[in-house]
Amino acid sequence: MSVRKVPPPARLLVSAIYREEARFEEVLARLPERWGPVERTGGPFPFDRTDYYEREMGAPLYRRFAVMERLVARDTLPEAKLASEALERELSGNGMRTVNLDPGLLTEENFLLSTGKNYSHRVYLRDGVFADLTLVYRQGEYRALPWTYPDLASPAIRAFLAEVRGELMECRKKERGKSRCG
């Protein structure tokens, strides 16, 4: 019989896909209202492996990450997704999004992204929010899965996420039981 326990908190990251850098800067200015200070950012990384968002946002598109300072309980992903959707609406123009925001959780074991879209590999959480197992950490690196979005499978993004994981591991050693790292 297994003994249930709450897993350690995760690092909250917010993935932003956008066309204009000023939009990402606006996101950075607004994130602390919801989740506290931004510890660091990653990117920009080209978002050019699909044209999925081009009709709505134009091209070229980029992906960046905002890494939040405060660690979060792993069951808070739905709240983060709902808050990010509200921010997307606030930043939209003419009924079109100018930025796509997907909060995610980075842990020692994996990287999850939140989504409102169901698919075979996604797990329903609540309130219309699903968790997408995007990358798994094995043999010293984050590894892509058959369904991982191509840009997230890139060596540059996986290396960035591995750096954030290393910082999380160091934080855990130094700050046992605290909700902040950084």
Protein backbone atom coordinates (compact mmCIF):
# COMPACT_ATOMS: atom_id res chain seq x y z
CA MET A 1 0.00 0.00 0.00
CA SER A 2 1.33 3.42 -0.88
CA VAL A 3 1.54 6.22 1.63
CA ARG A 4 0.11 9.40 0.14
CA LYS A 5 1.96 12.64 0.70
CA VAL A 6 1.95 16.08 -0.84
CA PRO A 7 4.84 16.51 -3.29
CA PRO A 8 7.24 19.41 -2.86
CA PRO A 9 6.20 22.69 -4.46
CA ALA A 10 7.08 23.40 -8.07
CA ARG A 11 8.58 26.32 -9.91
CA LEU A 12 5.88 28.26 -11.76
CA LEU A 13 6.83 29.36 -15.26
CA VAL A 14 4.67 31.33 -17.64
CA SER A 15 5.22 30.64 -21.32
CA ALA A 16 4.40 33.60 -23.56
CA ILE A 17 4.03 33.45 -27.33
CA TYR A 18 3.93 36.92 -28.88
CA ARG A 19 4.98 39.01 -31.88
CA GLU A 20 6.00 42.32 -30.31
CA GLU A 21 8.57 42.40 -27.50
CA ALA A 22 6.62 45.24 -25.87
CA ARG A 23 3.79 42.77 -25.26
CA PHE A 24 6.09 40.46 -23.33
CA GLU A 25 7.37 43.42 -21.31
CA GLU A 26 3.77 44.27 -20.46
CA VAL A 27 3.18 40.67 -19.36
CA LEU A 28 6.29 40.88 -17.14
CA ALA A 29 4.97 44.05 -15.55
CA ARG A 30 1.61 42.41 -14.79
CA LEU A 31 2.69 38.97 -13.57
CA PRO A 32 3.76 40.11 -10.07
CA GLU A 33 0.17 41.21 -9.38
CA ARG A 34 -0.84 37.57 -9.66
CA TRP A 35 2.15 35.46 -8.61
CA GLY A 36 4.76 37.67 -6.98
CA PRO A 37 8.16 38.66 -8.35
CA VAL A 38 9.62 37.32 -11.59
CA GLU A 39 12.98 35.75 -10.80
CA ARG A 40 14.28 35.55 -14.36
CA THR A 41 13.26 35.19 -17.97
CA GLY A 42 14.31 32.92 -20.80
CA GLY A 43 14.39 33.52 -24.52
CA PRO A 44 13.34 34.83 -26.89
CA PHE A 45 13.14 31.55 -28.75
CA PRO A 46 11.76 31.48 -32.31
CA PHE A 47 8.23 30.10 -32.51
CA ASP A 48 8.44 29.06 -36.14
CA ARG A 49 7.66 25.35 -36.22
CA THR A 50 3.93 25.94 -36.68
CA ASP A 51 1.72 28.71 -38.01
CA TYR A 52 -1.04 27.98 -35.48
CA TYR A 53 -1.10 31.48 -33.94
CA GLU A 54 -0.06 33.55 -36.97
CA ARG A 55 -3.58 34.31 -38.18
CA GLU A 56 -4.44 35.75 -34.79
CA MET A 57 -1.14 37.40 -33.83
CA GLY A 58 0.85 37.79 -37.04
CA ALA A 59 4.47 36.77 -37.65
CA PRO A 60 7.23 36.30 -36.75
CA LEU A 61 6.38 34.91 -33.33
CA TYR A 62 8.60 34.24 -30.33
CA ARG A 63 8.32 32.26 -27.11
CA ARG A 64 9.72 33.50 -23.83
CA PHE A 65 9.43 32.25 -20.29
CA ALA A 66 8.93 34.15 -17.06
CA VAL A 67 10.21 32.17 -14.08
CA MET A 68 8.42 33.13 -10.90
CA GLU A 69 10.38 33.49 -7.67
CA ARG A 70 7.79 31.92 -5.41
CA LEU A 71 7.30 28.17 -5.47
CA VAL A 72 3.72 26.95 -5.78
CA ALA A 73 1.75 23.89 -4.76
CA ARG A 74 1.36 21.54 -7.68
CA ASP A 75 -2.42 21.63 -7.48
CA THR A 76 -2.55 25.36 -8.29
CA LEU A 77 -2.10 24.94 -12.04
CA PRO A 78 -5.81 25.47 -12.84
CA GLU A 79 -5.87 28.79 -10.99
CA ALA A 80 -2.74 29.88 -12.83
CA LYS A 81 -4.28 29.00 -16.20
CA LEU A 82 -7.51 30.84 -15.46
CA ALA A 83 -5.58 33.93 -14.31
CA SER A 84 -3.42 33.82 -17.44
CA GLU A 85 -6.51 33.65 -19.66
CA ALA A 86 -7.87 36.75 -17.91
CA LEU A 87 -4.57 38.54 -18.58
CA GLU A 88 -4.68 37.46 -22.25
CA ARG A 89 -8.13 39.04 -22.54
CA GLU A 90 -6.93 42.26 -20.88
CA LEU A 91 -4.05 42.50 -23.36
CA SER A 92 -6.08 41.60 -26.45
CA GLY A 93 -6.87 44.08 -29.18
CA ASN A 94 -9.85 44.09 -31.55
CA GLY A 95 -10.98 40.76 -30.13
CA MET A 96 -7.67 39.10 -31.04
CA ARG A 97 -5.00 37.93 -28.65
CA THR A 98 -1.67 39.70 -28.80
CA VAL A 99 -0.05 37.14 -26.51
CA ASN A 100 -0.71 33.50 -25.69
CA LEU A 101 0.06 32.62 -22.06
CA ASP A 102 0.43 29.10 -20.75
CA PRO A 103 1.53 28.66 -17.14
CA GLY A 104 3.54 25.57 -16.42
CA LEU A 105 5.10 23.73 -13.52
CA LEU A 106 8.74 22.72 -13.53
CA THR A 107 9.70 19.97 -11.10
CA GLU A 108 12.64 17.67 -10.63
CA GLU A 109 10.76 15.05 -12.65
CA ASN A 110 9.04 16.92 -15.48
CA PHE A 111 7.72 20.06 -17.09
CA LEU A 112 3.94 20.45 -17.37
CA LEU A 113 2.05 23.10 -19.31
CA SER A 114 -1.56 24.03 -18.71
CA THR A 115 -4.03 24.06 -21.57
CA GLY A 116 -7.72 24.32 -22.21
CA LYS A 117 -7.56 21.73 -24.97
CA ASN A 118 -8.11 18.03 -24.35
CA TYR A 119 -6.04 15.35 -26.05
CA SER A 120 -5.08 11.73 -25.38
CA HIS A 121 -1.95 12.58 -23.35
CA ARG A 122 -3.52 15.38 -21.30
CA VAL A 123 -5.02 14.94 -17.85
CA TYR A 124 -8.09 16.87 -16.84
CA LEU A 125 -7.59 18.86 -13.64
CA ARG A 126 -10.70 21.03 -13.18
CA ASP A 127 -12.53 24.10 -14.47
CA GLY A 128 -11.76 23.21 -18.10
CA VAL A 129 -8.01 23.04 -17.48
CA PHE A 130 -5.80 20.13 -18.53
CA ALA A 131 -2.17 19.33 -17.68
CA ASP A 132 0.07 18.53 -20.65
CA LEU A 133 3.09 16.41 -19.74
CA THR A 134 5.50 18.26 -22.01
CA LEU A 135 8.99 17.06 -21.01
CA VAL A 136 10.34 14.43 -18.62
CA TYR A 137 13.68 14.58 -16.83
CA ARG A 138 15.71 11.43 -17.46
CA GLN A 139 19.39 10.62 -17.62
CA GLY A 140 20.51 14.16 -16.81
CA GLU A 141 18.27 16.13 -19.19
CA TYR A 142 14.74 17.08 -20.09
CA ARG A 143 13.53 14.79 -22.85
CA ALA A 144 10.80 15.36 -25.37
CA LEU A 145 7.85 13.04 -25.73
CA PRO A 146 6.13 12.10 -29.00
CA TRP A 147 3.56 14.89 -28.49
CA THR A 148 5.91 17.64 -27.25
CA TYR A 149 5.50 20.83 -29.26
CA PRO A 150 8.50 21.02 -31.63
CA ASP A 151 9.85 24.31 -30.30
CA LEU A 152 9.72 23.00 -26.72
CA ALA A 153 11.73 19.97 -27.84
CA SER A 154 14.53 22.24 -29.11
CA PRO A 155 17.93 21.92 -27.42
CA ALA A 156 17.90 25.63 -26.51
CA ILE A 157 14.61 25.48 -24.60
CA ARG A 158 15.45 22.17 -22.94
CA ALA A 159 18.82 23.60 -21.83
CA PHE A 160 17.11 26.69 -20.39
CA LEU A 161 14.63 24.53 -18.47
CA ALA A 162 17.49 22.35 -17.20
CA GLU A 163 19.17 25.51 -15.83
CA VAL A 164 15.96 26.44 -14.03
CA ARG A 165 15.76 22.89 -12.67
CA GLY A 166 19.33 23.14 -11.38
CA GLU A 167 18.44 26.38 -9.60
CA LEU A 168 15.36 24.69 -8.13
CA MET A 169 17.48 21.81 -6.82
CA GLU A 170 19.99 24.23 -5.25
CA CYS A 171 17.16 26.17 -3.68
CA ARG A 172 15.69 23.00 -2.20
CA LYS A 173 19.01 22.22 -0.55
CA LYS A 174 19.36 25.71 0.96
CA GLU A 175 15.79 26.62 1.73
CA ARG A 176 14.15 23.45 3.02
CA GLY A 177 10.45 24.07 3.51
CA LYS A 178 10.39 27.69 2.36
CA SER A 179 8.09 28.91 -0.40
CA ARG A 180 10.63 31.21 -2.04
CA CYS A 181 13.72 30.53 -4.07
CA GLY A 182 16.03 33.12 -5.47
